Amino acid sequence: MSREENEEDDIVCLDESFFINDDYQITDFTFGSHVLQLYCLQSSSTDFDLTGQLVWPGAVLMNDYLTQNANMLQGCSVIELGSGVGITGVLCSRFCRGVVMTDHNDEVLKILKKNIKLQESSDDSMCCTELKAEKLEWGSSDQLNCILQEHPEGFDLVLGADIYILQANVPLLFDTVERLLRDRDQKKCKFILAYVSRAKVMDAMVINEAIRHGLQINEVSGTRRIIKNLEGVIFEITTNH
């Protein structure tokens, strides 16, 4: 046997699942009087595409804001972009009439669906709204059309927390947001973004992309705060009339 053949025999091919950390633990999160239980990772994945496996500061910022303004959720239909483990969608289920949580990553969708089952098996009487998980790549008309066909009435609120990882994804995010907002324009659908500043270039890009898509972006007064050593703020984004 040649040396080259021996070297080929020594090569170990690893399935991509070898690199995926799925050591999820049930963790309690408290927002006001609401205690949520979810499976999540306790530390970040090394793969930027799997950041949805744990709870990020922006989700805490969002949930604190929604808890303090729960009246805006009453009776609403909600779609969340980049849901990750689903902590915001699960909180919304305490108030909303319908919640659709979305993510583009198949591994993240697995933990999202696992958390939906966890809520369904809970004896918490406050968990009564049906939660759904759907795959959605930002900018994908086909996937968005499928969701809207299942929900022809559209959505009252679009939510997103800490969902801008790559600059290249920001225009695609706002392509999707614009479509969702204009689908319910007469009902004044709005996009609530829990933004955590990590790079000045991203700060400007998010605002500029909203404007470029013909949307109006406003900082919600009193929401700017430091969370885990980062500055966060809530933006409310609507269509221009």
Protein backbone atom coordinates (compact mmCIF):
# COMPACT_ATOMS: atom_id res chain seq x y z
CA MET A 1 0.00 0.00 0.00
CA SER A 2 1.39 3.41 -0.93
CA ARG A 3 2.15 6.18 1.56
CA GLU A 4 -0.59 8.30 0.01
CA GLU A 5 -3.17 5.53 0.54
CA ASN A 6 -2.10 5.18 4.19
CA GLU A 7 -2.50 8.90 4.73
CA GLU A 8 -5.98 8.81 3.16
CA ASP A 9 -6.97 5.98 5.50
CA ASP A 10 -5.91 8.11 8.47
CA ILE A 11 -8.23 10.97 7.51
CA VAL A 12 -11.30 11.14 9.77
CA CYS A 13 -14.41 12.69 8.21
CA LEU A 14 -16.58 14.39 10.80
CA ASP A 15 -20.26 15.02 10.29
CA GLU A 16 -21.27 18.68 10.75
CA SER A 17 -23.32 17.63 13.79
CA PHE A 18 -20.02 16.97 15.58
CA PHE A 19 -19.53 20.73 15.86
CA ILE A 20 -23.06 21.54 17.09
CA ASN A 21 -23.54 22.09 20.79
CA ASP A 22 -27.00 20.92 21.79
CA ASP A 23 -26.42 20.66 25.53
CA TYR A 24 -29.56 22.66 26.26
CA GLN A 25 -30.63 23.29 29.84
CA ILE A 26 -34.02 24.43 31.12
CA THR A 27 -33.52 27.94 32.43
CA ASP A 28 -35.88 30.30 34.27
CA PHE A 29 -36.27 33.90 33.11
CA THR A 30 -38.30 36.46 35.03
CA PHE A 31 -39.92 39.53 33.47
CA GLY A 32 -42.16 41.38 35.90
CA SER A 33 -44.59 38.82 37.30
CA HIS A 34 -43.93 36.40 34.45
CA VAL A 35 -41.58 33.47 34.88
CA LEU A 36 -40.62 31.74 31.63
CA GLN A 37 -38.94 28.36 31.30
CA LEU A 38 -36.98 27.59 28.17
CA TYR A 39 -34.30 25.29 26.89
CA CYS A 40 -31.18 27.22 25.85
CA LEU A 41 -27.39 27.11 25.86
CA GLN A 42 -25.53 28.74 28.71
CA SER A 43 -22.68 29.99 26.51
CA SER A 44 -22.38 31.12 22.92
CA SER A 45 -21.74 28.81 20.00
CA THR A 46 -18.54 29.34 18.05
CA ASP A 47 -20.63 29.39 14.87
CA PHE A 48 -22.16 32.84 14.18
CA ASP A 49 -25.02 31.08 12.39
CA LEU A 50 -26.05 29.36 15.65
CA THR A 51 -26.22 32.44 17.85
CA GLY A 52 -29.95 31.77 18.27
CA GLN A 53 -29.22 28.92 20.69
CA LEU A 54 -28.95 31.25 23.68
CA VAL A 55 -30.63 34.37 25.03
CA TRP A 56 -28.98 37.64 24.02
CA PRO A 57 -29.14 41.04 25.79
CA GLY A 58 -31.50 42.44 23.17
CA ALA A 59 -34.10 39.81 24.00
CA VAL A 60 -33.96 40.85 27.66
CA LEU A 61 -34.34 44.49 26.60
CA MET A 62 -37.31 43.58 24.41
CA ASN A 63 -39.04 41.48 27.05
CA ASP A 64 -38.61 44.13 29.73
CA TYR A 65 -40.18 46.66 27.36
CA LEU A 66 -43.07 44.39 26.40
CA THR A 67 -43.76 43.51 30.02
CA GLN A 68 -44.00 47.20 30.90
CA ASN A 69 -46.26 47.84 27.89
CA ALA A 70 -48.30 44.64 27.81
CA ASN A 71 -51.40 46.56 26.78
CA MET A 72 -49.97 46.91 23.27
CA LEU A 73 -49.95 43.11 22.94
CA GLN A 74 -53.50 42.44 24.04
CA GLY A 75 -55.42 40.66 21.29
CA CYS A 76 -52.67 41.19 18.72
CA SER A 77 -51.22 38.81 16.18
CA VAL A 78 -47.42 38.81 16.26
CA ILE A 79 -44.63 37.58 14.02
CA GLU A 80 -41.10 37.54 15.40
CA LEU A 81 -38.01 37.60 13.18
CA GLY A 82 -34.90 35.76 14.32
CA SER A 83 -36.67 34.18 17.27
CA GLY A 84 -33.78 32.02 18.48
CA VAL A 85 -34.91 29.97 21.48
CA GLY A 86 -38.23 31.86 21.48
CA ILE A 87 -38.07 33.83 24.71
CA THR A 88 -39.89 36.85 23.28
CA GLY A 89 -42.55 34.81 21.49
CA VAL A 90 -43.23 32.81 24.64
CA LEU A 91 -43.73 36.01 26.63
CA CYS A 92 -46.06 37.36 23.93
CA SER A 93 -48.16 34.21 24.16
CA ARG A 94 -49.29 35.42 27.59
CA PHE A 95 -51.06 38.35 25.96
CA CYS A 96 -51.49 37.85 22.20
CA ARG A 97 -54.10 35.97 20.21
CA GLY A 98 -51.49 34.46 17.89
CA VAL A 99 -47.68 34.20 17.75
CA VAL A 100 -45.52 33.02 14.86
CA MET A 101 -41.82 32.68 15.64
CA THR A 102 -39.35 32.45 12.78
CA ASP A 103 -35.70 31.65 12.22
CA HIS A 104 -33.63 30.69 9.19
CA ASN A 105 -31.36 28.11 10.81
CA ASP A 106 -32.60 24.50 10.96
CA GLU A 107 -30.73 23.72 14.19
CA VAL A 108 -32.16 26.80 15.88
CA LEU A 109 -35.64 25.83 14.66
CA LYS A 110 -35.21 22.50 16.46
CA ILE A 111 -34.66 24.19 19.84
CA LEU A 112 -37.46 26.66 19.05
CA LYS A 113 -39.91 23.81 18.45
CA LYS A 114 -38.64 22.05 21.56
CA ASN A 115 -39.47 25.14 23.60
CA ILE A 116 -42.94 25.30 22.06
CA LYS A 117 -43.55 21.73 23.22
CA LEU A 118 -42.25 22.69 26.66
CA GLN A 119 -44.85 25.46 26.88
CA GLU A 120 -47.61 23.12 25.67
CA SER A 121 -46.75 20.64 28.41
CA SER A 122 -46.68 23.35 31.08
CA ASP A 123 -49.47 23.59 33.63
CA ASP A 124 -49.12 27.38 33.57
CA SER A 125 -52.65 28.67 33.00
CA MET A 126 -51.26 31.85 31.41
CA CYS A 127 -49.89 29.93 28.43
CA CYS A 128 -52.94 29.68 26.24
CA THR A 129 -52.04 31.14 22.83
CA GLU A 130 -50.94 28.76 20.11
CA LEU A 131 -47.26 29.17 19.24
CA LYS A 132 -45.96 28.32 15.78
CA ALA A 133 -42.43 28.03 14.43
CA GLU A 134 -41.68 28.72 10.77
CA LYS A 135 -38.53 28.87 8.68
CA LEU A 136 -37.88 32.31 7.23
CA GLU A 137 -34.80 33.51 5.39
CA TRP A 138 -34.91 37.29 5.25
CA GLY A 139 -35.55 38.40 1.72
CA SER A 140 -37.15 35.06 0.74
CA SER A 141 -40.44 35.86 -0.98
CA ASP A 142 -41.37 32.18 -1.23
CA GLN A 143 -41.02 31.49 2.49
CA LEU A 144 -42.74 34.72 3.45
CA ASN A 145 -45.58 34.02 1.01
CA CYS A 146 -46.12 30.62 2.63
CA ILE A 147 -46.42 32.23 6.06
CA LEU A 148 -48.79 34.92 4.81
CA GLN A 149 -50.94 32.31 3.05
CA GLU A 150 -51.39 30.59 6.40
CA HIS A 151 -52.11 33.97 8.01
CA PRO A 152 -53.99 35.93 5.33
CA GLU A 153 -55.11 38.50 7.88
CA GLY A 154 -51.47 39.50 8.37
CA PHE A 155 -49.89 40.58 11.63
CA ASP A 156 -50.37 43.52 13.96
CA LEU A 157 -46.82 43.55 15.26
CA VAL A 158 -43.44 42.51 13.89
CA LEU A 159 -40.79 41.97 16.57
CA GLY A 160 -37.03 41.60 16.41
CA ALA A 161 -34.38 41.59 19.14
CA ASP A 162 -30.62 41.60 18.54
CA ILE A 163 -31.08 40.12 15.08
CA TYR A 164 -28.50 41.99 12.95
CA ILE A 165 -25.37 39.82 12.99
CA LEU A 166 -23.92 40.54 9.55
CA GLN A 167 -24.06 43.84 7.69
CA ALA A 168 -25.03 42.02 4.49
CA ASN A 169 -28.22 40.77 6.18
CA VAL A 170 -29.56 44.18 7.21
CA PRO A 171 -30.99 45.12 3.77
CA LEU A 172 -32.63 41.67 3.55
CA LEU A 173 -34.08 42.14 7.03
CA PHE A 174 -35.73 45.39 5.98
CA ASP A 175 -36.95 43.85 2.72
CA THR A 176 -38.92 41.41 4.87
CA VAL A 177 -40.01 44.03 7.39
CA GLU A 178 -41.27 46.37 4.66
CA ARG A 179 -43.31 43.57 3.09
CA LEU A 180 -44.89 42.66 6.43
CA LEU A 181 -45.68 46.28 7.33
CA ARG A 182 -47.19 47.13 3.95
CA ASP A 183 -49.25 43.94 4.03
CA ARG A 184 -51.14 45.42 6.99
CA ASP A 185 -50.70 49.10 6.16
CA GLN A 186 -54.33 49.98 6.81
CA LYS A 187 -54.10 48.41 10.26
CA LYS A 188 -50.95 50.37 11.19
CA CYS A 189 -48.72 47.36 11.68
CA LYS A 190 -45.40 48.31 13.25
CA PHE A 191 -41.97 46.78 13.73
CA ILE A 192 -40.52 46.91 17.23
CA LEU A 193 -36.75 46.45 17.22
CA ALA A 194 -34.75 45.94 20.42
CA TYR A 195 -31.38 47.27 19.29
CA VAL A 196 -28.11 46.73 21.11
CA SER A 197 -25.17 48.76 19.84
CA ARG A 198 -22.02 46.80 19.07
CA ALA A 199 -20.55 48.78 16.17
CA LYS A 200 -21.09 52.38 15.07
CA VAL A 201 -21.23 51.32 11.43
CA MET A 202 -24.15 49.04 12.25
CA ASP A 203 -25.91 51.79 14.21
CA ALA A 204 -25.97 53.99 11.12
CA MET A 205 -26.76 51.14 8.74
CA VAL A 206 -29.92 50.04 10.56
CA ILE A 207 -31.31 53.58 10.54
CA ASN A 208 -30.29 54.23 6.94
CA GLU A 209 -31.80 50.96 5.69
CA ALA A 210 -35.11 51.71 7.37
CA ILE A 211 -35.17 55.11 5.66
CA ARG A 212 -34.07 53.64 2.31
CA HIS A 213 -37.04 51.27 2.46
CA GLY A 214 -39.40 54.19 2.92
CA LEU A 215 -39.98 53.46 6.60
CA GLN A 216 -40.11 55.80 9.55
CA ILE A 217 -37.85 54.86 12.45
CA ASN A 218 -38.25 56.44 15.88
CA GLU A 219 -36.48 55.83 19.16
CA VAL A 220 -38.99 55.07 21.91
CA SER A 221 -38.50 57.66 24.63
CA GLY A 222 -37.12 56.36 27.91
CA THR A 223 -35.95 53.00 26.55
CA ARG A 224 -32.24 53.72 26.11
CA ARG A 225 -30.29 51.83 28.77
CA ILE A 226 -27.12 49.89 29.48
CA ILE A 227 -27.64 46.14 29.42
CA LYS A 228 -24.70 43.79 30.03
CA ASN A 229 -22.24 46.64 29.42
CA LEU A 230 -23.82 47.51 26.06
CA GLU A 231 -26.12 50.35 25.13
CA GLY A 232 -29.57 49.26 24.05
CA VAL A 233 -32.66 51.05 22.81
CA ILE A 234 -36.12 50.26 21.47
CA PHE A 235 -36.96 51.49 17.96
CA GLU A 236 -40.48 51.67 16.58
CA ILE A 237 -40.61 51.42 12.80
CA THR A 238 -43.69 52.13 10.69
CA THR A 239 -44.60 52.88 7.10
CA ASN A 240 -44.65 56.48 5.93
CA HIS A 241 -48.10 57.77 4.99
